[in-house]
């Protein structure tokens, strides 16, 4: 199992909407993530800066490369682009974070 961490940026004032949308996450998106081997997935918000920090475990990190091609993923990104920094394809601007410490 590999751990993956990344950061994204939420637009100011969109904190409650971001949380609401994730509280109501689509079952088909959850199924897609699980089928890709993702589990133990959390996103944290640094409120003063608007940065989101995602941490997940995945059986094979290469599986993450398949997600951008999935229709439900594209639909989710289009749904989220109005509240967070996004690329031209609507995917969130996501910066990988290298692990510098881990304690079991």
N, C-alpha and C. Protein backbone atom coordinates (compact mmCIF):
# COMPACT_ATOMS: atom_id res chain seq x y z
N UNK A 1 0.86 -1.18 0.00
CA UNK A 1 0.00 0.00 0.00
C UNK A 1 0.90 1.24 0.00
N UNK A 2 0.63 2.16 -0.91
CA UNK A 2 1.40 3.40 -0.99
C UNK A 2 0.59 4.55 -0.41
N UNK A 3 1.27 5.48 0.26
CA UNK A 3 0.63 6.70 0.74
C UNK A 3 0.96 7.82 -0.24
N UNK A 4 -0.05 8.60 -0.58
CA UNK A 4 0.10 9.71 -1.51
C UNK A 4 -0.47 10.95 -0.84
N UNK A 5 0.26 12.06 -0.95
CA UNK A 5 -0.22 13.33 -0.40
C UNK A 5 -0.09 14.42 -1.45
N UNK A 6 -0.98 15.39 -1.40
CA UNK A 6 -0.97 16.47 -2.38
C UNK A 6 -1.69 17.67 -1.78
N UNK A 7 -1.49 18.84 -2.42
CA UNK A 7 -2.22 20.02 -1.98
C UNK A 7 -2.94 20.65 -3.16
N UNK A 8 -4.05 21.30 -2.85
CA UNK A 8 -4.86 22.01 -3.81
C UNK A 8 -5.24 23.35 -3.17
N UNK A 9 -5.89 24.22 -3.92
CA UNK A 9 -6.22 25.54 -3.40
C UNK A 9 -7.71 25.81 -3.59
N UNK A 10 -8.36 26.16 -2.49
CA UNK A 10 -9.78 26.49 -2.47
C UNK A 10 -9.94 28.00 -2.57
N UNK A 11 -10.94 28.47 -3.30
CA UNK A 11 -11.20 29.90 -3.37
C UNK A 11 -11.75 30.39 -2.04
N UNK A 12 -11.36 31.58 -1.66
CA UNK A 12 -11.80 32.18 -0.39
C UNK A 12 -13.33 32.26 -0.36
N UNK A 13 -13.88 31.91 0.77
CA UNK A 13 -15.32 31.96 0.97
C UNK A 13 -16.06 30.72 0.48
N UNK A 14 -15.35 29.75 -0.05
CA UNK A 14 -15.98 28.54 -0.59
C UNK A 14 -15.82 27.32 0.33
N UNK A 15 -15.37 27.55 1.55
CA UNK A 15 -15.10 26.46 2.48
C UNK A 15 -16.35 25.62 2.78
N UNK A 16 -17.46 26.29 3.09
CA UNK A 16 -18.68 25.56 3.43
C UNK A 16 -19.22 24.79 2.22
N UNK A 17 -19.13 25.40 1.05
CA UNK A 17 -19.61 24.72 -0.16
C UNK A 17 -18.76 23.50 -0.49
N UNK A 18 -17.44 23.61 -0.30
CA UNK A 18 -16.55 22.48 -0.54
C UNK A 18 -16.93 21.31 0.38
N UNK A 19 -17.11 21.63 1.65
CA UNK A 19 -17.48 20.59 2.62
C UNK A 19 -18.83 19.98 2.26
N UNK A 20 -19.80 20.81 1.91
CA UNK A 20 -21.14 20.33 1.54
C UNK A 20 -21.06 19.36 0.36
N UNK A 21 -20.31 19.74 -0.66
CA UNK A 21 -20.21 18.88 -1.85
C UNK A 21 -19.56 17.54 -1.51
N UNK A 22 -18.60 17.55 -0.61
CA UNK A 22 -17.97 16.29 -0.23
C UNK A 22 -18.83 15.48 0.75
N UNK A 23 -19.64 16.15 1.54
CA UNK A 23 -20.59 15.43 2.40
C UNK A 23 -21.61 14.70 1.54
N UNK A 24 -21.84 15.21 0.33
CA UNK A 24 -22.82 14.63 -0.59
C UNK A 24 -22.13 13.98 -1.80
N UNK A 25 -20.91 13.49 -1.60
CA UNK A 25 -20.13 12.93 -2.70
C UNK A 25 -20.93 11.85 -3.42
N UNK A 26 -20.80 11.82 -4.72
CA UNK A 26 -21.57 10.89 -5.54
C UNK A 26 -21.11 9.45 -5.30
N UNK A 27 -22.04 8.53 -5.10
CA UNK A 27 -21.68 7.13 -4.89
C UNK A 27 -20.85 6.57 -6.04
N UNK A 28 -21.15 6.97 -7.28
CA UNK A 28 -20.40 6.44 -8.42
C UNK A 28 -18.95 6.93 -8.41
N UNK A 29 -18.69 8.10 -7.83
CA UNK A 29 -17.32 8.57 -7.70
C UNK A 29 -16.58 7.78 -6.62
N UNK A 30 -17.24 7.55 -5.51
CA UNK A 30 -16.64 6.73 -4.45
C UNK A 30 -16.31 5.35 -4.98
N UNK A 31 -17.22 4.77 -5.75
CA UNK A 31 -16.99 3.44 -6.33
C UNK A 31 -15.77 3.46 -7.26
N UNK A 32 -15.66 4.49 -8.10
CA UNK A 32 -14.52 4.61 -9.00
C UNK A 32 -13.21 4.67 -8.22
N UNK A 33 -13.17 5.48 -7.18
CA UNK A 33 -11.96 5.62 -6.37
C UNK A 33 -11.58 4.29 -5.72
N UNK A 34 -12.57 3.61 -5.19
CA UNK A 34 -12.30 2.30 -4.57
C UNK A 34 -11.82 1.29 -5.60
N UNK A 35 -12.41 1.29 -6.79
CA UNK A 35 -11.99 0.37 -7.84
C UNK A 35 -10.56 0.66 -8.29
N UNK A 36 -10.12 1.91 -8.15
CA UNK A 36 -8.74 2.28 -8.49
C UNK A 36 -7.76 1.85 -7.39
N UNK A 37 -8.30 1.35 -6.28
CA UNK A 37 -7.45 0.88 -5.19
C UNK A 37 -7.22 1.92 -4.10
N UNK A 38 -8.01 2.99 -4.12
CA UNK A 38 -7.86 4.06 -3.12
C UNK A 38 -8.66 3.70 -1.88
N UNK A 39 -8.03 3.92 -0.73
CA UNK A 39 -8.72 3.76 0.55
C UNK A 39 -8.09 4.72 1.55
N UNK A 40 -8.74 4.87 2.67
CA UNK A 40 -8.23 5.73 3.74
C UNK A 40 -7.86 7.11 3.18
N UNK A 41 -8.83 7.76 2.54
CA UNK A 41 -8.65 9.02 1.83
C UNK A 41 -9.22 10.15 2.67
N UNK A 42 -8.39 11.15 2.96
CA UNK A 42 -8.82 12.32 3.72
C UNK A 42 -8.35 13.58 3.03
N UNK A 43 -9.13 14.65 3.18
CA UNK A 43 -8.72 15.97 2.72
C UNK A 43 -8.87 16.92 3.91
N UNK A 44 -7.81 17.67 4.17
CA UNK A 44 -7.79 18.61 5.28
C UNK A 44 -7.72 20.03 4.72
N UNK A 45 -8.31 20.98 5.44
CA UNK A 45 -8.30 22.38 5.02
C UNK A 45 -7.48 23.22 6.00
N UNK A 46 -6.54 23.99 5.46
CA UNK A 46 -5.84 25.00 6.23
C UNK A 46 -6.62 26.29 6.01
N UNK A 47 -7.52 26.62 6.94
CA UNK A 47 -8.45 27.72 6.75
C UNK A 47 -7.79 29.07 6.46
N UNK A 48 -6.71 29.45 7.16
CA UNK A 48 -6.12 30.78 6.87
C UNK A 48 -5.60 30.93 5.44
N UNK A 49 -5.13 29.85 4.83
CA UNK A 49 -4.55 29.95 3.49
C UNK A 49 -5.47 29.43 2.38
N UNK A 50 -6.46 28.63 2.74
CA UNK A 50 -7.33 28.03 1.73
C UNK A 50 -6.73 26.80 1.08
N UNK A 51 -5.57 26.35 1.58
CA UNK A 51 -4.98 25.14 1.00
C UNK A 51 -5.67 23.90 1.52
N UNK A 52 -5.91 22.98 0.60
CA UNK A 52 -6.45 21.66 0.91
C UNK A 52 -5.30 20.68 0.83
N UNK A 53 -5.22 19.78 1.80
CA UNK A 53 -4.18 18.76 1.84
C UNK A 53 -4.84 17.39 1.79
N UNK A 54 -4.58 16.66 0.72
CA UNK A 54 -5.15 15.34 0.55
C UNK A 54 -4.13 14.27 0.89
N UNK A 55 -4.61 13.22 1.54
CA UNK A 55 -3.77 12.07 1.90
C UNK A 55 -4.60 10.83 1.63
N UNK A 56 -4.00 9.88 0.92
CA UNK A 56 -4.72 8.64 0.63
C UNK A 56 -3.75 7.48 0.59
N UNK A 57 -4.31 6.31 0.67
CA UNK A 57 -3.55 5.08 0.48
C UNK A 57 -4.09 4.42 -0.79
N UNK A 58 -3.16 3.85 -1.56
CA UNK A 58 -3.56 3.21 -2.81
C UNK A 58 -2.68 1.98 -3.04
N UNK A 59 -3.28 0.96 -3.62
CA UNK A 59 -2.54 -0.26 -3.87
C UNK A 59 -1.42 -0.05 -4.88
N UNK A 60 -1.66 0.82 -5.88
CA UNK A 60 -0.66 1.10 -6.90
C UNK A 60 -0.86 2.55 -7.36
N UNK A 61 0.07 3.43 -7.04
CA UNK A 61 -0.08 4.85 -7.37
C UNK A 61 -0.24 5.10 -8.86
N UNK A 62 0.23 4.20 -9.70
CA UNK A 62 0.05 4.35 -11.15
C UNK A 62 -1.43 4.36 -11.53
N UNK A 63 -2.27 3.76 -10.70
CA UNK A 63 -3.71 3.76 -10.96
C UNK A 63 -4.30 5.17 -10.96
N UNK A 64 -3.64 6.10 -10.28
CA UNK A 64 -4.13 7.48 -10.26
C UNK A 64 -4.12 8.08 -11.67
N UNK A 65 -3.24 7.59 -12.52
CA UNK A 65 -3.14 8.11 -13.88
C UNK A 65 -4.34 7.72 -14.74
N UNK A 66 -5.10 6.73 -14.32
CA UNK A 66 -6.28 6.31 -15.10
C UNK A 66 -7.50 7.17 -14.79
N UNK A 67 -7.53 7.80 -13.63
CA UNK A 67 -8.72 8.53 -13.20
C UNK A 67 -9.10 9.70 -14.11
N UNK A 68 -8.15 10.49 -14.63
CA UNK A 68 -8.54 11.62 -15.48
C UNK A 68 -9.30 11.23 -16.75
N UNK A 69 -9.26 9.98 -17.13
CA UNK A 69 -9.93 9.51 -18.34
C UNK A 69 -11.35 9.02 -18.08
N UNK A 70 -11.75 8.97 -16.81
CA UNK A 70 -13.05 8.42 -16.45
C UNK A 70 -14.13 9.50 -16.49
N UNK A 71 -15.26 9.24 -17.14
CA UNK A 71 -16.33 10.25 -17.27
C UNK A 71 -16.81 10.82 -15.93
N UNK A 72 -16.96 9.99 -14.91
CA UNK A 72 -17.45 10.51 -13.62
C UNK A 72 -16.42 11.44 -12.99
N UNK A 73 -15.13 11.17 -13.20
CA UNK A 73 -14.08 12.04 -12.67
C UNK A 73 -14.13 13.40 -13.38
N UNK A 74 -14.29 13.38 -14.70
CA UNK A 74 -14.39 14.62 -15.48
C UNK A 74 -15.62 15.42 -15.05
N UNK A 75 -16.71 14.73 -14.80
CA UNK A 75 -17.95 15.39 -14.35
C UNK A 75 -17.75 16.04 -12.97
N UNK A 76 -17.07 15.33 -12.06
CA UNK A 76 -16.80 15.87 -10.72
C UNK A 76 -15.92 17.11 -10.81
N UNK A 77 -14.88 17.04 -11.63
CA UNK A 77 -13.99 18.19 -11.77
C UNK A 77 -14.75 19.40 -12.31
N UNK A 78 -15.62 19.20 -13.28
CA UNK A 78 -16.41 20.31 -13.82
C UNK A 78 -17.32 20.89 -12.74
N UNK A 79 -17.84 20.03 -11.88
CA UNK A 79 -18.70 20.44 -10.78
C UNK A 79 -17.93 21.26 -9.74
N UNK A 80 -16.65 20.96 -9.56
CA UNK A 80 -15.84 21.61 -8.51
C UNK A 80 -15.07 22.84 -9.00
N UNK A 81 -14.96 23.05 -10.30
CA UNK A 81 -14.07 24.10 -10.81
C UNK A 81 -14.44 25.51 -10.37
N UNK A 82 -15.68 25.74 -9.99
CA UNK A 82 -16.09 27.09 -9.59
C UNK A 82 -15.67 27.44 -8.16
N UNK A 83 -15.16 26.46 -7.41
CA UNK A 83 -14.80 26.75 -6.02
C UNK A 83 -13.32 26.50 -5.70
N UNK A 84 -12.55 26.07 -6.70
CA UNK A 84 -11.14 25.81 -6.44
C UNK A 84 -10.29 26.06 -7.68
N UNK A 85 -9.00 26.27 -7.47
CA UNK A 85 -8.11 26.47 -8.61
C UNK A 85 -8.11 25.21 -9.48
N UNK A 86 -8.30 25.44 -10.78
CA UNK A 86 -8.42 24.32 -11.72
C UNK A 86 -7.59 24.57 -12.96
N UNK A 87 -7.23 23.47 -13.61
CA UNK A 87 -6.52 23.52 -14.88
C UNK A 87 -7.53 23.69 -16.02
N UNK A 88 -7.02 23.85 -17.23
CA UNK A 88 -7.87 24.03 -18.41
C UNK A 88 -8.83 22.87 -18.63
N UNK A 89 -8.44 21.65 -18.21
CA UNK A 89 -9.31 20.47 -18.37
C UNK A 89 -10.25 20.29 -17.17
N UNK A 90 -10.33 21.29 -16.30
CA UNK A 90 -11.16 21.31 -15.09
C UNK A 90 -10.58 20.51 -13.93
N UNK A 91 -9.50 19.77 -14.15
CA UNK A 91 -8.88 19.05 -13.04
C UNK A 91 -8.34 20.06 -12.03
N UNK A 92 -8.37 19.72 -10.75
CA UNK A 92 -7.83 20.67 -9.77
C UNK A 92 -6.33 20.82 -9.93
N UNK A 93 -5.85 22.02 -9.71
CA UNK A 93 -4.41 22.22 -9.65
C UNK A 93 -3.96 21.46 -8.41
N UNK A 94 -3.13 20.47 -8.61
CA UNK A 94 -2.73 19.57 -7.52
C UNK A 94 -1.21 19.44 -7.51
N UNK A 95 -0.63 19.70 -6.36
CA UNK A 95 0.83 19.66 -6.20
C UNK A 95 1.19 18.47 -5.32
N UNK A 96 1.96 17.51 -5.83
CA UNK A 96 2.37 16.37 -5.01
C UNK A 96 3.23 16.84 -3.83
N UNK A 97 3.06 16.20 -2.71
CA UNK A 97 3.84 16.51 -1.51
C UNK A 97 4.72 15.32 -1.16
N UNK A 98 6.03 15.52 -1.11
CA UNK A 98 6.92 14.41 -0.75
C UNK A 98 6.82 14.11 0.74
N UNK A 99 6.88 12.85 1.07
CA UNK A 99 6.85 12.45 2.47
C UNK A 99 8.21 12.71 3.11
N UNK A 100 8.21 13.38 4.26
CA UNK A 100 9.47 13.65 4.97
C UNK A 100 9.50 13.00 6.35
N UNK A 101 8.35 12.46 6.79
CA UNK A 101 8.30 11.78 8.07
C UNK A 101 7.07 10.90 8.10
N UNK A 102 7.21 9.73 8.71
CA UNK A 102 6.09 8.82 8.88
C UNK A 102 6.34 7.99 10.13
N UNK A 103 5.34 7.88 10.97
CA UNK A 103 5.45 7.07 12.18
C UNK A 103 4.28 6.11 12.24
N UNK A 104 4.55 4.86 12.39
CA UNK A 104 3.48 3.86 12.57
C UNK A 104 3.02 3.84 14.00
